[in-house]
C-alpha atoms as a PDB file:
ATOM      1  CA  ARG A   1      -5.176 -16.520   6.066  1.00  0.00           C
ATOM      2  CA  ILE A   2      -6.387 -16.776   2.482  1.00  0.00           C
ATOM      3  CA  THR A   3      -3.135 -15.526   0.958  1.00  0.00           C
ATOM      4  CA  GLN A   4      -0.708 -17.155   3.416  1.00  0.00           C
ATOM      5  CA  GLU A   5       1.365 -13.933   3.183  1.00  0.00           C
ATOM      6  CA  THR A   6       1.979 -11.051   5.582  1.00  0.00           C
ATOM      7  CA  VAL A   7      -0.902  -8.572   5.853  1.00  0.00           C
ATOM      8  CA  ASN A   8      -0.615  -5.043   7.268  1.00  0.00           C
ATOM      9  CA  LEU A   9      -2.895  -2.130   8.065  1.00  0.00           C
ATOM     10  CA  GLY A  10      -1.357   1.335   7.872  1.00  0.00           C
ATOM     11  CA  ILE A  11      -2.131   5.040   7.838  1.00  0.00           C
ATOM     12  CA  LEU A  12      -0.431   8.077   6.363  1.00  0.00           C
ATOM     13  CA  ASP A  13       1.429  10.152   8.945  1.00  0.00           C
ATOM     14  CA  GLY A  14       3.055  13.119   7.238  1.00  0.00           C
ATOM     15  CA  LEU A  15       5.284  11.724   4.485  1.00  0.00           C
ATOM     16  CA  GLU A  16       5.399   8.262   5.991  1.00  0.00           C
ATOM     17  CA  VAL A  17       3.183   5.258   6.328  1.00  0.00           C
ATOM     18  CA  MET A  18       2.834   4.054   9.887  1.00  0.00           C
ATOM     19  CA  TYR A  19       1.976   0.385  10.316  1.00  0.00           C
ATOM     20  CA  LEU A  20      -0.830  -0.028  12.848  1.00  0.00           C
ATOM     21  CA  ASP A  21      -1.266  -3.777  12.856  1.00  0.00           C
ATOM     22  CA  GLY A  22      -0.330  -6.881  10.952  1.00  0.00           C
ATOM     23  CA  LEU A  23      -0.697 -10.586  10.565  1.00  0.00           C
ATOM     24  CA  GLU A  24       2.490 -12.486   9.748  1.00  0.00           C
ATOM     25  CA  SER A  25       2.634 -15.156   7.101  1.00  0.00           C
ATOM     26  CA  PRO A  26       2.852 -18.726   8.392  1.00  0.00           C
ATOM     27  CA  GLN A  27       5.551 -19.390   5.767  1.00  0.00           C
ATOM     28  CA  SER A  28       9.075 -19.902   7.110  1.00  0.00           C
ATOM     29  CA  PHE A  29      10.420 -17.230   4.709  1.00  0.00           C
ATOM     30  CA  ARG A  30       8.252 -14.181   5.374  1.00  0.00           C
ATOM     31  CA  LEU A  31       8.180 -10.444   5.843  1.00  0.00           C
ATOM     32  CA  VAL A  32       7.954  -9.166   9.384  1.00  0.00           C
ATOM     33  CA  SER A  33       6.719  -5.756  10.432  1.00  0.00           C
ATOM     34  CA  SER A  34       5.427  -4.487  13.721  1.00  0.00           C
ATOM     35  CA  ALA A  35       3.038  -1.798  14.873  1.00  0.00           C
ATOM     36  CA  GLY A  36       4.735   1.575  14.829  1.00  0.00           C
ATOM     37  CA  THR A  37       7.072   0.731  11.939  1.00  0.00           C
ATOM     38  CA  ARG A  38       7.362   3.615   9.467  1.00  0.00           C
ATOM     39  CA  ALA A  39       8.325   3.857   5.796  1.00  0.00           C
ATOM     40  CA  ILE A  40       8.419   6.668   3.241  1.00  0.00           C
ATOM     41  CA  ALA A  41       4.988   6.602   1.593  1.00  0.00           C
ATOM     42  CA  TYR A  42       5.965   6.855  -2.092  1.00  0.00           C
ATOM     43  CA  ARG A  43       7.995   3.649  -1.997  1.00  0.00           C
ATOM     44  CA  THR A  44       5.296   1.478  -0.403  1.00  0.00           C
ATOM     45  CA  ALA A  45       2.061   0.011  -1.702  1.00  0.00           C
ATOM     46  CA  LEU A  46       0.314   1.143   1.496  1.00  0.00           C
ATOM     47  CA  GLY A  47       1.469   4.707   0.949  1.00  0.00           C
ATOM     48  CA  LYS A  48       0.535   4.794  -2.718  1.00  0.00           C
ATOM     49  CA  ALA A  49      -2.916   3.318  -2.022  1.00  0.00           C
ATOM     50  CA  ILE A  50      -3.579   6.085   0.505  1.00  0.00           C
ATOM     51  CA  LEU A  51      -2.036   8.910  -1.540  1.00  0.00           C
ATOM     52  CA  ALA A  52      -4.077   7.973  -4.611  1.00  0.00           C
ATOM     53  CA  TYR A  53      -7.303   8.481  -2.701  1.00  0.00           C
ATOM     54  CA  LEU A  54      -6.522  11.770  -0.973  1.00  0.00           C
ATOM     55  CA  PRO A  55      -8.243  14.939  -2.181  1.00  0.00           C
ATOM     56  CA  ALA A  56      -6.238  16.301  -5.142  1.00  0.00           C
ATOM     57  CA  GLU A  57      -4.977  19.399  -3.340  1.00  0.00           C
ATOM     58  CA  GLU A  58      -3.845  17.445  -0.293  1.00  0.00           C
ATOM     59  CA  ARG A  59      -2.232  14.764  -2.483  1.00  0.00           C
ATOM     60  CA  GLU A  60      -0.312  17.378  -4.460  1.00  0.00           C
ATOM     61  CA  SER A  61       0.930  19.140  -1.327  1.00  0.00           C
ATOM     62  CA  VAL A  62       2.323  15.840  -0.013  1.00  0.00           C
ATOM     63  CA  ILE A  63       3.929  14.934  -3.363  1.00  0.00           C
ATOM     64  CA  THR A  64       5.795  18.239  -3.506  1.00  0.00           C
ATOM     65  CA  LEU A  65       7.389  17.563  -0.102  1.00  0.00           C
ATOM     66  CA  PHE A  66       9.019  14.247  -1.023  1.00  0.00           C
ATOM     67  CA  ALA A  67      12.799  14.232  -1.556  1.00  0.00           C
ATOM     68  CA  PHE A  68      12.817  11.353  -4.035  1.00  0.00           C
ATOM     69  CA  GLN A  69      15.628   8.897  -3.418  1.00  0.00           C
ATOM     70  CA  ALA A  70      16.304   5.512  -5.012  1.00  0.00           C
ATOM     71  CA  TYR A  71      16.175   2.743  -2.419  1.00  0.00           C
ATOM     72  CA  THR A  72      16.332   0.128  -5.183  1.00  0.00           C
ATOM     73  CA  PRO A  73      16.587   0.368  -8.995  1.00  0.00           C
ATOM     74  CA  HIS A  74      12.759   0.124  -9.062  1.00  0.00           C
ATOM     75  CA  THR A  75      11.941   2.997  -6.679  1.00  0.00           C
ATOM     76  CA  ILE A  76       9.882   5.890  -8.039  1.00  0.00           C
ATOM     77  CA  ALA A  77      12.353   8.668  -8.811  1.00  0.00           C
ATOM     78  CA  SER A  78      10.280  11.813  -9.399  1.00  0.00           C
ATOM     79  CA  ALA A  79       7.053  13.628  -8.605  1.00  0.00           C
ATOM     80  CA  ASP A  80       5.785  13.139 -12.172  1.00  0.00           C
ATOM     81  CA  GLU A  81       6.464   9.404 -12.003  1.00  0.00           C
ATOM     82  CA  LEU A  82       4.549   9.237  -8.710  1.00  0.00           C
ATOM     83  CA  ARG A  83       1.620  11.215 -10.143  1.00  0.00           C
ATOM     84  CA  ASN A  84       1.405   8.755 -13.052  1.00  0.00           C
ATOM     85  CA  GLU A  85       1.585   5.804 -10.664  1.00  0.00           C
ATOM     86  CA  LEU A  86      -1.202   7.238  -8.498  1.00  0.00           C
ATOM     87  CA  GLU A  87      -3.431   7.586 -11.575  1.00  0.00           C
ATOM     88  CA  ARG A  88      -2.848   3.873 -12.258  1.00  0.00           C
ATOM     89  CA  VAL A  89      -3.678   3.074  -8.636  1.00  0.00           C
ATOM     90  CA  ARG A  90      -7.008   4.900  -8.876  1.00  0.00           C
ATOM     91  CA  ALA A  91      -7.823   3.155 -12.174  1.00  0.00           C
ATOM     92  CA  GLN A  92      -7.082  -0.359 -10.902  1.00  0.00           C
ATOM     93  CA  GLU A  93      -8.114   0.264  -7.260  1.00  0.00           C
ATOM     94  CA  TYR A  94      -4.919  -1.151  -5.784  1.00  0.00           C
ATOM     95  CA  ALA A  95      -1.272  -0.164  -5.481  1.00  0.00           C
ATOM     96  CA  ILE A  96       1.826  -2.249  -5.966  1.00  0.00           C
ATOM     97  CA  ASP A  97       5.325  -1.991  -4.540  1.00  0.00           C
ATOM     98  CA  ASP A  98       7.269  -4.079  -7.024  1.00  0.00           C
ATOM     99  CA  GLU A  99      10.667  -4.316  -5.334  1.00  0.00           C
ATOM    100  CA  GLU A 100      10.658  -0.547  -4.737  1.00  0.00           C
ATOM    101  CA  SER A 101      11.496  -0.807  -1.044  1.00  0.00           C
ATOM    102  CA  VAL A 102      13.352  -4.118  -0.888  1.00  0.00           C
ATOM    103  CA  ILE A 103      14.689  -6.239  -3.738  1.00  0.00           C
ATOM    104  CA  GLY A 104      12.861  -9.557  -3.873  1.00  0.00           C
ATOM    105  CA  VAL A 105       9.735  -8.268  -2.104  1.00  0.00           C
ATOM    106  CA  ARG A 106       6.405  -7.428  -3.682  1.00  0.00           C
ATOM    107  CA  CYS A 107       3.471  -5.794  -1.926  1.00  0.00           C
ATOM    108  CA  LEU A 108      -0.089  -4.990  -3.019  1.00  0.00           C
ATOM    109  CA  ALA A 109      -2.395  -2.636  -1.132  1.00  0.00           C
ATOM    110  CA  ALA A 110      -5.924  -1.298  -1.315  1.00  0.00           C
ATOM    111  CA  PRO A 111      -7.359   1.800   0.351  1.00  0.00           C
ATOM    112  CA  VAL A 112      -9.779   1.908   3.255  1.00  0.00           C
ATOM    113  CA  LEU A 113     -12.159   4.741   2.376  1.00  0.00           C
ATOM    114  CA  ASN A 114     -14.393   7.081   4.318  1.00  0.00           C
ATOM    115  CA  PRO A 115     -17.877   8.044   3.018  1.00  0.00           C
ATOM    116  CA  THR A 116     -16.378  10.756   0.758  1.00  0.00           C
ATOM    117  CA  ARG A 117     -14.070   8.114  -0.813  1.00  0.00           C
ATOM    118  CA  THR A 118     -10.984   9.608   0.829  1.00  0.00           C
ATOM    119  CA  ALA A 119      -8.440   7.092   2.100  1.00  0.00           C
ATOM    120  CA  VAL A 120      -8.110   6.875   5.857  1.00  0.00           C
ATOM    121  CA  ALA A 121      -5.880   3.772   5.816  1.00  0.00           C
ATOM    122  CA  ALA A 122      -4.819   0.904   3.572  1.00  0.00           C
ATOM    123  CA  VAL A 123      -4.454  -2.864   3.771  1.00  0.00           C
ATOM    124  CA  SER A 124      -1.472  -4.606   2.192  1.00  0.00           C
ATOM    125  CA  ILE A 125      -0.335  -8.110   1.365  1.00  0.00           C
ATOM    126  CA  SER A 126       3.450  -8.608   1.201  1.00  0.00           C
ATOM    127  CA  GLY A 127       5.675 -11.491   0.285  1.00  0.00           C
ATOM    128  CA  PRO A 128       8.618 -12.661  -1.759  1.00  0.00           C
ATOM    129  CA  VAL A 129       8.352 -12.072  -5.503  1.00  0.00           C
ATOM    130  CA  ALA A 130       8.718 -15.819  -6.038  1.00  0.00           C
ATOM    131  CA  ARG A 131       5.389 -16.450  -4.269  1.00  0.00           C
ATOM    132  CA  MET A 132       3.731 -13.243  -5.467  1.00  0.00           C
ATOM    133  CA  ALA A 133       4.626 -13.807  -9.116  1.00  0.00           C
ATOM    134  CA  ASP A 134       3.131 -11.806 -11.980  1.00  0.00           C
ATOM    135  CA  GLY A 135       0.502 -14.490 -12.574  1.00  0.00           C
ATOM    136  CA  LYS A 136      -0.785 -14.126  -9.003  1.00  0.00           C
ATOM    137  CA  ILE A 137      -1.072 -10.325  -8.864  1.00  0.00           C
ATOM    138  CA  GLU A 138      -4.775 -10.389  -9.768  1.00  0.00           C
ATOM    139  CA  GLU A 139      -5.496 -12.947  -7.045  1.00  0.00           C
ATOM    140  CA  PHE A 140      -3.608 -10.959  -4.402  1.00  0.00           C
ATOM    141  CA  SER A 141      -5.114  -7.640  -5.516  1.00  0.00           C
ATOM    142  CA  ARG A 142      -8.624  -9.124  -5.217  1.00  0.00           C
ATOM    143  CA  ALA A 143      -7.821 -10.233  -1.670  1.00  0.00           C
ATOM    144  CA  ALA A 144      -6.451  -6.809  -0.707  1.00  0.00           C
ATOM    145  CA  ARG A 145      -9.431  -4.993  -2.221  1.00  0.00           C
ATOM    146  CA  ALA A 146     -11.878  -7.354  -0.472  1.00  0.00           C
ATOM    147  CA  ALA A 147     -10.206  -6.812   2.904  1.00  0.00           C
ATOM    148  CA  ALA A 148     -10.160  -3.031   2.427  1.00  0.00           C
ATOM    149  CA  ARG A 149     -13.849  -3.018   1.416  1.00  0.00           C
ATOM    150  CA  GLU A 150     -14.757  -5.080   4.487  1.00  0.00           C
ATOM    151  CA  ILE A 151     -12.938  -2.654   6.795  1.00  0.00           C
ATOM    152  CA  THR A 152     -14.535   0.299   4.979  1.00  0.00           C
ATOM    153  CA  GLU A 153     -18.003  -1.227   5.502  1.00  0.00           C
ATOM    154  CA  ARG A 154     -17.329  -1.954   9.176  1.00  0.00           C
ATOM    155  CA  LEU A 155     -16.201   1.636   9.724  1.00  0.00           C
ATOM    156  CA  ARG A 156     -19.363   2.935   8.063  1.00  0.00           C
ATOM    157  CA  ALA A 157     -21.524   0.626  10.187  1.00  0.00           C
ATOM    158  CA  THR A 158     -19.935   1.864  13.407  1.00  0.00           C
ATOM    159  CA  GLY A 159     -19.990   5.533  12.364  1.00  0.00           C
END
């Protein structure tokens, strides 16, 4: 509601992100996804947010299984490029899909963490690049991180 963009919750399932739930933007031009939708993890913000917070050995075993393929000119093209991107994700505490899956679409995601700080899911905010312009990335990343922290705290409270 705060961002007025599409929000999704997803988990890692093998090499893919599976979308569990979402809230569509009220904007007339919006991204639509439904529960059960899947996407290759390395080309999504959800996937990168989760991968960045997996234990190193598990993360590396997943990275080595990807058959990197360019979906757009911006898609990560190699294991080394993904490793570098995941380091950035850990440093800034959010991931970005900057037209890596679909031209004209930007997505930011933050991890939902268990007590050992391993990602169990991620929350993303997606929209057209025109509305999620460079100057708004900080605002959207704060919203994604806040939502992920709230879910993390609720999970801890319920055990």
